[in-house]
Amino acid sequence: MIPINEKYLHKVLHLMPIYGLGDIKEVNVDGRTGYSFPCPFCAIYQKKDSKKRKHCAFFLPHAQSFSWTFFCHRKGSSECMGGGKSLSKFLEEFNPQLFKQYQMEMYKAGRSGQGHIVSDPDFSSFNSKPFQ
């Protein structure tokens, strides 16, 4: 079974071309496979197409885990400034609907809430109990 983080990483990577962000390239980082691509947050602020398509963003794997961190070297928007951000934070900002699906899967797996990187889903928007 594919770990939840891996599953959602690949969903995001498949969305990049649909959002007009070009291709994804595999990169080798300390013997581990990561991914480079145009930044979905700051590419829109670039005037030249070549700059929009520049591979300045990365998903880099953590050693010995299925965690991923997003980095943008261009830092051309408030969403990609600062240090890296977790896959869950990236999802929350990049595609809130996909984040909610991810959050629900993490909740079902017992990997959300206090002590985890993902908060529990907000069930107040549901009309009935979430799992009947």
N, C-alpha and C. Protein backbone atom coordinates (compact mmCIF):
# COMPACT_ATOMS: atom_id res chain seq x y z
N MET A 1 0.84 -1.19 0.00
CA MET A 1 0.00 0.00 0.00
C MET A 1 0.89 1.25 0.00
N ILE A 2 0.52 2.22 -0.80
CA ILE A 2 1.29 3.46 -0.92
C ILE A 2 1.02 4.34 0.30
N PRO A 3 2.07 4.86 0.94
CA PRO A 3 1.87 5.78 2.07
C PRO A 3 1.06 7.02 1.61
N ILE A 4 0.29 7.57 2.53
CA ILE A 4 -0.59 8.70 2.22
C ILE A 4 0.19 9.89 1.66
N ASN A 5 1.35 10.21 2.25
CA ASN A 5 2.14 11.34 1.74
C ASN A 5 2.58 11.10 0.31
N GLU A 6 3.01 9.88 0.00
CA GLU A 6 3.44 9.57 -1.37
C GLU A 6 2.27 9.70 -2.34
N LYS A 7 1.12 9.20 -1.93
CA LYS A 7 -0.08 9.26 -2.77
C LYS A 7 -0.42 10.71 -3.13
N TYR A 8 -0.41 11.59 -2.13
CA TYR A 8 -0.78 12.98 -2.39
C TYR A 8 0.34 13.77 -3.06
N LEU A 9 1.58 13.40 -2.84
CA LEU A 9 2.67 14.02 -3.58
C LEU A 9 2.47 13.77 -5.07
N HIS A 10 2.16 12.54 -5.44
CA HIS A 10 1.98 12.21 -6.86
C HIS A 10 0.73 12.86 -7.44
N LYS A 11 -0.31 13.03 -6.62
CA LYS A 11 -1.48 13.77 -7.10
C LYS A 11 -1.10 15.21 -7.43
N VAL A 12 -0.31 15.83 -6.58
CA VAL A 12 0.14 17.21 -6.81
C VAL A 12 1.01 17.27 -8.06
N LEU A 13 1.94 16.35 -8.19
CA LEU A 13 2.83 16.36 -9.35
C LEU A 13 2.05 16.20 -10.65
N HIS A 14 0.99 15.42 -10.64
CA HIS A 14 0.16 15.26 -11.84
C HIS A 14 -0.67 16.51 -12.14
N LEU A 15 -0.92 17.33 -11.13
CA LEU A 15 -1.67 18.57 -11.35
C LEU A 15 -0.82 19.68 -11.98
N MET A 16 0.47 19.64 -11.76
CA MET A 16 1.34 20.74 -12.22
C MET A 16 1.16 21.06 -13.70
N PRO A 17 1.24 20.07 -14.61
CA PRO A 17 1.05 20.40 -16.03
C PRO A 17 -0.36 20.93 -16.33
N ILE A 18 -1.36 20.45 -15.61
CA ILE A 18 -2.74 20.91 -15.82
C ILE A 18 -2.85 22.39 -15.45
N TYR A 19 -2.12 22.81 -14.42
CA TYR A 19 -2.13 24.20 -14.00
C TYR A 19 -1.22 25.07 -14.88
N GLY A 20 -0.66 24.48 -15.93
CA GLY A 20 0.21 25.21 -16.85
C GLY A 20 1.60 25.46 -16.31
N LEU A 21 2.04 24.59 -15.39
CA LEU A 21 3.34 24.79 -14.76
C LEU A 21 4.45 23.96 -15.39
N GLY A 22 4.19 23.35 -16.51
CA GLY A 22 5.23 22.62 -17.21
C GLY A 22 5.51 21.25 -16.65
N ASP A 23 6.64 20.74 -17.05
CA ASP A 23 6.99 19.37 -16.71
C ASP A 23 7.65 19.27 -15.33
N ILE A 24 7.70 18.05 -14.85
CA ILE A 24 8.32 17.73 -13.57
C ILE A 24 9.58 16.94 -13.89
N LYS A 25 10.66 17.24 -13.20
CA LYS A 25 11.90 16.50 -13.39
C LYS A 25 12.31 15.84 -12.09
N GLU A 26 12.78 14.62 -12.20
CA GLU A 26 13.34 13.95 -11.03
C GLU A 26 14.75 14.47 -10.80
N VAL A 27 15.10 14.68 -9.55
CA VAL A 27 16.44 15.12 -9.18
C VAL A 27 16.97 14.19 -8.10
N ASN A 28 18.26 13.98 -8.10
CA ASN A 28 18.90 13.13 -7.10
C ASN A 28 19.48 14.02 -6.01
N VAL A 29 19.02 13.80 -4.79
CA VAL A 29 19.49 14.59 -3.65
C VAL A 29 20.02 13.61 -2.60
N ASP A 30 21.31 13.57 -2.44
CA ASP A 30 21.93 12.67 -1.46
C ASP A 30 21.46 11.23 -1.61
N GLY A 31 21.36 10.77 -2.85
CA GLY A 31 20.95 9.40 -3.10
C GLY A 31 19.46 9.15 -3.05
N ARG A 32 18.68 10.19 -2.83
CA ARG A 32 17.23 10.05 -2.79
C ARG A 32 16.62 10.82 -3.96
N THR A 33 15.46 10.38 -4.42
CA THR A 33 14.80 11.03 -5.54
C THR A 33 13.89 12.13 -5.06
N GLY A 34 14.09 13.32 -5.60
CA GLY A 34 13.22 14.46 -5.36
C GLY A 34 12.65 14.93 -6.69
N TYR A 35 11.94 16.03 -6.68
CA TYR A 35 11.29 16.53 -7.90
C TYR A 35 11.49 18.03 -8.02
N SER A 36 11.77 18.50 -9.24
CA SER A 36 11.88 19.93 -9.49
C SER A 36 10.82 20.34 -10.50
N PHE A 37 10.36 21.59 -10.38
CA PHE A 37 9.27 22.08 -11.23
C PHE A 37 9.18 23.59 -11.08
N PRO A 38 8.45 24.26 -11.99
CA PRO A 38 8.22 25.69 -11.82
C PRO A 38 7.36 25.92 -10.57
N CYS A 39 7.63 26.98 -9.85
CA CYS A 39 6.90 27.25 -8.61
C CYS A 39 5.44 27.64 -8.91
N PRO A 40 4.49 26.93 -8.32
CA PRO A 40 3.09 27.27 -8.56
C PRO A 40 2.65 28.57 -7.90
N PHE A 41 3.45 29.09 -6.99
CA PHE A 41 3.09 30.32 -6.28
C PHE A 41 3.66 31.57 -6.93
N CYS A 42 4.90 31.52 -7.42
CA CYS A 42 5.50 32.75 -7.93
C CYS A 42 5.72 32.77 -9.45
N ALA A 43 5.48 31.67 -10.14
CA ALA A 43 5.66 31.66 -11.60
C ALA A 43 4.75 32.69 -12.28
N ILE A 44 3.57 32.89 -11.74
CA ILE A 44 2.61 33.82 -12.36
C ILE A 44 3.09 35.28 -12.32
N TYR A 45 4.03 35.57 -11.44
CA TYR A 45 4.54 36.94 -11.32
C TYR A 45 5.70 37.22 -12.28
N GLN A 46 6.15 36.21 -13.01
CA GLN A 46 7.26 36.37 -13.94
C GLN A 46 6.73 36.85 -15.28
N LYS A 47 7.42 37.79 -15.91
CA LYS A 47 6.96 38.36 -17.18
C LYS A 47 7.34 37.49 -18.37
N LYS A 48 8.52 36.91 -18.36
CA LYS A 48 8.98 36.11 -19.48
C LYS A 48 8.56 34.65 -19.30
N ASP A 49 8.14 34.02 -20.39
CA ASP A 49 7.75 32.62 -20.33
C ASP A 49 8.89 31.73 -19.84
N SER A 50 10.10 32.06 -20.25
CA SER A 50 11.25 31.24 -19.82
C SER A 50 11.43 31.30 -18.31
N LYS A 51 11.14 32.45 -17.72
CA LYS A 51 11.23 32.58 -16.26
C LYS A 51 10.07 31.85 -15.57
N LYS A 52 8.88 31.89 -16.19
CA LYS A 52 7.72 31.17 -15.63
C LYS A 52 7.98 29.67 -15.59
N ARG A 53 8.66 29.17 -16.63
CA ARG A 53 8.89 27.73 -16.73
C ARG A 53 10.15 27.26 -16.00
N LYS A 54 10.90 28.19 -15.42
CA LYS A 54 12.15 27.82 -14.74
C LYS A 54 11.86 26.89 -13.56
N HIS A 55 12.65 25.84 -13.47
CA HIS A 55 12.53 24.87 -12.38
C HIS A 55 13.24 25.41 -11.14
N CYS A 56 12.50 26.14 -10.33
CA CYS A 56 13.09 26.76 -9.14
C CYS A 56 12.50 26.18 -7.86
N ALA A 57 11.47 25.34 -7.99
CA ALA A 57 10.81 24.75 -6.82
C ALA A 57 11.11 23.26 -6.76
N PHE A 58 11.10 22.74 -5.55
CA PHE A 58 11.46 21.34 -5.34
C PHE A 58 10.61 20.71 -4.26
N PHE A 59 10.33 19.42 -4.42
CA PHE A 59 9.88 18.58 -3.32
C PHE A 59 11.06 17.70 -3.00
N LEU A 60 11.54 17.79 -1.79
CA LEU A 60 12.69 17.00 -1.37
C LEU A 60 12.28 16.03 -0.28
N PRO A 61 12.74 14.79 -0.38
CA PRO A 61 12.36 13.79 0.61
C PRO A 61 13.17 13.90 1.89
N HIS A 62 12.56 13.50 2.96
CA HIS A 62 13.27 13.40 4.24
C HIS A 62 13.92 12.03 4.30
N ALA A 63 15.05 11.93 4.93
CA ALA A 63 15.74 10.66 5.06
C ALA A 63 14.91 9.70 5.90
N GLN A 64 14.80 8.48 5.46
CA GLN A 64 14.17 7.38 6.19
C GLN A 64 12.73 7.67 6.62
N SER A 65 11.98 8.37 5.79
CA SER A 65 10.56 8.58 6.07
C SER A 65 9.86 8.86 4.75
N PHE A 66 8.56 8.95 4.82
CA PHE A 66 7.77 9.29 3.63
C PHE A 66 7.30 10.73 3.70
N SER A 67 8.11 11.59 4.32
CA SER A 67 7.78 13.01 4.42
C SER A 67 8.46 13.78 3.30
N TRP A 68 7.84 14.88 2.90
CA TRP A 68 8.36 15.71 1.82
C TRP A 68 8.33 17.17 2.24
N THR A 69 9.30 17.93 1.76
CA THR A 69 9.35 19.36 2.02
C THR A 69 9.41 20.11 0.70
N PHE A 70 8.61 21.17 0.59
CA PHE A 70 8.59 22.04 -0.57
C PHE A 70 9.54 23.20 -0.33
N PHE A 71 10.36 23.50 -1.34
CA PHE A 71 11.26 24.66 -1.31
C PHE A 71 11.13 25.41 -2.63
N CYS A 72 11.20 26.73 -2.60
CA CYS A 72 11.30 27.53 -3.81
C CYS A 72 12.53 28.41 -3.67
N HIS A 73 13.45 28.29 -4.62
CA HIS A 73 14.68 29.08 -4.56
C HIS A 73 14.47 30.51 -5.05
N ARG A 74 13.42 30.74 -5.84
CA ARG A 74 13.19 32.10 -6.35
C ARG A 74 12.58 32.99 -5.26
N LYS A 75 11.71 32.42 -4.43
CA LYS A 75 11.06 33.15 -3.33
C LYS A 75 10.40 34.43 -3.83
N GLY A 76 9.61 34.26 -4.90
CA GLY A 76 8.99 35.42 -5.55
C GLY A 76 7.58 35.74 -5.09
N SER A 77 7.08 35.05 -4.07
CA SER A 77 5.76 35.37 -3.53
C SER A 77 5.75 35.07 -2.04
N SER A 78 4.75 35.56 -1.35
CA SER A 78 4.68 35.34 0.10
C SER A 78 4.51 33.86 0.43
N GLU A 79 3.88 33.09 -0.46
CA GLU A 79 3.68 31.66 -0.22
C GLU A 79 4.97 30.85 -0.31
N CYS A 80 5.95 31.35 -1.04
CA CYS A 80 7.17 30.55 -1.19
C CYS A 80 8.39 31.19 -0.53
N MET A 81 8.19 32.23 0.25
CA MET A 81 9.29 32.84 1.00
C MET A 81 9.55 32.06 2.28
N GLY A 82 10.64 32.36 2.89
CA GLY A 82 10.97 31.68 4.14
C GLY A 82 11.60 30.34 3.86
N GLY A 83 11.58 29.49 4.83
CA GLY A 83 12.14 28.15 4.66
C GLY A 83 11.19 27.24 3.91
N GLY A 84 11.46 25.97 4.00
CA GLY A 84 10.59 25.00 3.34
C GLY A 84 9.28 24.84 4.08
N LYS A 85 8.36 24.17 3.41
CA LYS A 85 7.08 23.88 4.06
C LYS A 85 6.73 22.42 3.82
N SER A 86 6.02 21.86 4.76
CA SER A 86 5.63 20.46 4.68
C SER A 86 4.66 20.25 3.52
N LEU A 87 4.53 18.99 3.13
CA LEU A 87 3.59 18.65 2.07
C LEU A 87 2.17 19.08 2.46
N SER A 88 1.80 18.89 3.73
CA SER A 88 0.44 19.27 4.15
C SER A 88 0.21 20.77 4.03
N LYS A 89 1.18 21.58 4.43
CA LYS A 89 1.05 23.03 4.32
C LYS A 89 1.01 23.46 2.85
N PHE A 90 1.84 22.82 2.03
CA PHE A 90 1.82 23.10 0.59
C PHE A 90 0.43 22.80 0.02
N LEU A 91 -0.11 21.63 0.35
CA LEU A 91 -1.44 21.25 -0.15
C LEU A 91 -2.51 22.25 0.28
N GLU A 92 -2.43 22.65 1.55
CA GLU A 92 -3.41 23.59 2.09
C GLU A 92 -3.43 24.90 1.29
N GLU A 93 -2.27 25.37 0.87
CA GLU A 93 -2.18 26.63 0.13
C GLU A 93 -2.39 26.46 -1.37
N PHE A 94 -1.91 25.35 -1.92
CA PHE A 94 -1.95 25.13 -3.37
C PHE A 94 -3.32 24.67 -3.85
N ASN A 95 -3.93 23.73 -3.12
CA ASN A 95 -5.21 23.16 -3.54
C ASN A 95 -6.00 22.77 -2.28
N PRO A 96 -6.77 23.70 -1.72
CA PRO A 96 -7.48 23.43 -0.47
C PRO A 96 -8.40 22.21 -0.51
N GLN A 97 -9.02 21.94 -1.65
CA GLN A 97 -9.90 20.78 -1.75
C GLN A 97 -9.10 19.48 -1.63
N LEU A 98 -7.97 19.42 -2.30
CA LEU A 98 -7.11 18.24 -2.20
C LEU A 98 -6.56 18.11 -0.78
N PHE A 99 -6.27 19.24 -0.15
CA PHE A 99 -5.81 19.20 1.24
C PHE A 99 -6.87 18.58 2.15
N LYS A 100 -8.14 18.93 1.95
CA LYS A 100 -9.20 18.36 2.77
C LYS A 100 -9.29 16.85 2.61
N GLN A 101 -9.09 16.36 1.40
CA GLN A 101 -9.08 14.91 1.16
C GLN A 101 -7.90 14.27 1.90
N TYR A 102 -6.75 14.90 1.79
CA TYR A 102 -5.53 14.43 2.47
C TYR A 102 -5.75 14.41 3.98
N GLN A 103 -6.30 15.49 4.49
CA GLN A 103 -6.55 15.62 5.93
C GLN A 103 -7.49 14.52 6.41
N MET A 104 -8.51 14.21 5.63
CA MET A 104 -9.47 13.17 6.01
C MET A 104 -8.80 11.79 6.00
N GLU A 105 -7.96 11.54 5.01
CA GLU A 105 -7.24 10.25 4.98
C GLU A 105 -6.29 10.12 6.17
N MET A 106 -5.63 11.21 6.51
CA MET A 106 -4.73 11.18 7.67
C MET A 106 -5.54 10.95 8.95
N TYR A 107 -6.71 11.56 9.03
CA TYR A 107 -7.59 11.38 10.20
C TYR A 107 -8.01 9.92 10.32
N LYS A 108 -8.45 9.33 9.21
CA LYS A 108 -8.89 7.93 9.21
C LYS A 108 -7.75 6.99 9.61
N ALA A 109 -6.52 7.38 9.25
CA ALA A 109 -5.35 6.56 9.58
C ALA A 109 -4.83 6.84 10.99
N GLY A 110 -5.47 7.77 11.71
CA GLY A 110 -5.03 8.11 13.06
C GLY A 110 -3.76 8.93 13.09
N ARG A 111 -3.52 9.70 12.01
CA ARG A 111 -2.29 10.48 11.91
C ARG A 111 -2.56 11.98 11.80
N SER A 112 -3.62 12.42 12.49
CA SER A 112 -3.90 13.86 12.51
C SER A 112 -4.21 14.27 13.94
N GLY A 113 -4.26 15.56 14.16
CA GLY A 113 -4.57 16.08 15.49
C GLY A 113 -3.32 16.38 16.28
N GLN A 114 -3.48 16.47 17.58
CA GLN A 114 -2.37 16.85 18.46
C GLN A 114 -1.20 15.87 18.30
N GLY A 115 -0.01 16.42 18.15
CA GLY A 115 1.19 15.61 18.01
C GLY A 115 1.50 15.21 16.58
N HIS A 116 0.65 15.62 15.64
CA HIS A 116 0.87 15.31 14.22
C HIS A 116 0.97 16.60 13.43
N ILE A 117 1.51 16.51 12.23
CA ILE A 117 1.71 17.70 11.39
C ILE A 117 0.40 18.18 10.76
N VAL A 118 -0.62 17.33 10.74
CA VAL A 118 -1.91 17.67 10.14
C VAL A 118 -2.96 17.77 11.24
N SER A 119 -3.73 18.85 11.23
CA SER A 119 -4.80 19.00 12.21
C SER A 119 -5.98 18.09 11.84
N ASP A 120 -6.83 17.82 12.82
CA ASP A 120 -8.04 17.07 12.54
C ASP A 120 -8.93 17.87 11.61
N PRO A 121 -9.73 17.19 10.76
CA PRO A 121 -10.67 17.92 9.89
C PRO A 121 -11.70 18.68 10.71
N ASP A 122 -12.27 19.70 10.12
CA ASP A 122 -13.34 20.48 10.74
C ASP A 122 -14.66 19.82 10.37
N PHE A 123 -15.25 19.11 11.32
CA PHE A 123 -16.49 18.40 11.05
C PHE A 123 -17.72 19.27 11.23
N SER A 124 -17.55 20.52 11.61
CA SER A 124 -18.71 21.40 11.81
C SER A 124 -19.46 21.67 10.51
N SER A 125 -18.81 21.47 9.37
CA SER A 125 -19.46 21.71 8.09
C SER A 125 -20.28 20.50 7.62
N PHE A 126 -20.17 19.37 8.34
CA PHE A 126 -20.94 18.18 8.00
C PHE A 126 -22.34 18.25 8.63
N ASN A 127 -23.34 17.78 7.92
CA ASN A 127 -24.71 17.74 8.43
C ASN A 127 -24.93 16.54 9.36
N SER A 128 -24.12 15.50 9.17
CA SER A 128 -24.26 14.31 10.00
C SER A 128 -22.89 13.86 10.44
N LYS A 129 -22.86 12.77 11.16
CA LYS A 129 -21.59 12.23 11.62
C LYS A 129 -20.75 11.83 10.41
N PRO A 130 -19.43 12.02 10.47
CA PRO A 130 -18.59 11.78 9.30
C PRO A 130 -18.50 10.31 8.87
N PHE A 131 -18.61 9.39 9.80
CA PHE A 131 -18.45 7.97 9.45
C PHE A 131 -19.62 7.17 9.98
N GLN A 132 -20.66 7.10 9.22
CA GLN A 132 -21.82 6.32 9.65
C GLN A 132 -21.84 4.99 8.97
